[in-house]
Amino acid sequence: MAHDQKGCERILRSMKTIAIIGGGFCGVSCARILEKKLAKEYRILLFDKKGYFEFTPSIHKVITDKN
């Protein structure tokens, strides 16, 4: 199926945008929930200074060598 680029651009411009600043646990969770609930009416954008999600829940154990 061929994309109609002009049509897609027109739809994106007409949609309201929600911008989330910060891609930590809360930012990513918020973006996922909002996208599930509001994807038809809103464009959800997630901004973070890193281009990746870093998952380090046990880093303190590695640093302190405590189990």
Protein backbone atom coordinates (compact mmCIF):
# COMPACT_ATOMS: atom_id res chain seq x y z
CA MET A 1 0.00 0.00 0.00
CA ALA A 2 1.52 3.31 -1.09
CA HIS A 3 1.75 6.15 1.41
CA ASP A 4 0.09 9.42 0.58
CA GLN A 5 2.77 11.69 2.08
CA LYS A 6 0.77 14.91 1.64
CA GLY A 7 -2.24 13.30 3.31
CA CYS A 8 -0.13 12.07 6.24
CA GLU A 9 1.46 15.49 6.69
CA ARG A 10 -1.96 17.16 6.63
CA ILE A 11 -3.28 14.78 9.29
CA LEU A 12 -0.23 15.30 11.53
CA ARG A 13 -0.50 19.09 11.25
CA SER A 14 -4.19 19.00 12.18
CA MET A 15 -3.59 16.86 15.29
CA LYS A 16 -2.95 18.40 18.68
CA THR A 17 0.42 17.53 20.20
CA ILE A 18 1.35 16.46 23.71
CA ALA A 19 5.06 16.88 24.46
CA ILE A 20 6.64 14.96 27.33
CA ILE A 21 10.01 16.21 28.53
CA GLY A 22 12.20 13.51 30.09
CA GLY A 23 12.52 9.91 29.00
CA GLY A 24 12.93 8.24 32.39
CA PHE A 25 10.51 5.67 33.79
CA CYS A 26 7.72 8.21 34.31
CA GLY A 27 8.14 9.88 30.92
CA VAL A 28 8.16 6.62 28.98
CA SER A 29 5.24 5.19 30.99
CA CYS A 30 3.24 8.36 30.49
CA ALA A 31 3.93 8.39 26.74
CA ARG A 32 2.89 4.74 26.36
CA ILE A 33 -0.35 5.20 28.31
CA LEU A 34 -1.28 8.40 26.47
CA GLU A 35 -0.52 6.87 23.10
CA LYS A 36 -2.80 3.91 23.82
CA LYS A 37 -5.64 6.17 24.94
CA LEU A 38 -5.25 9.25 22.72
CA ALA A 39 -3.43 8.15 19.54
CA LYS A 40 -6.33 9.05 17.25
CA GLU A 41 -6.66 12.64 18.46
CA TYR A 42 -3.16 13.56 19.66
CA ARG A 43 0.41 13.18 18.51
CA ILE A 44 2.55 12.14 21.50
CA LEU A 45 6.17 13.33 21.50
CA LEU A 46 8.79 12.24 24.04
CA PHE A 47 11.93 14.38 24.38
CA ASP A 48 15.06 13.33 26.22
CA LYS A 49 18.70 14.40 26.00
CA LYS A 50 19.67 10.76 25.36
CA GLY A 51 18.59 8.85 22.28
CA TYR A 52 17.99 5.67 24.24
CA PHE A 53 16.30 4.37 27.38
CA GLU A 54 18.70 3.30 30.12
CA PHE A 55 17.43 0.66 32.53
CA THR A 56 19.66 0.49 35.62
CA PRO A 57 17.54 -0.66 38.59
CA SER A 58 20.33 -2.68 40.25
CA ILE A 59 23.31 -0.45 39.49
CA HIS A 60 23.77 0.33 43.18
CA LYS A 61 24.36 -3.39 43.84
CA VAL A 62 27.03 -3.57 41.15
CA ILE A 63 28.79 -0.44 42.39
CA THR A 64 28.75 -1.39 46.09
CA ASP A 65 29.19 -5.15 45.50
CA LYS A 66 26.22 -5.92 47.78
CA ASN A 67 23.81 -8.74 46.95
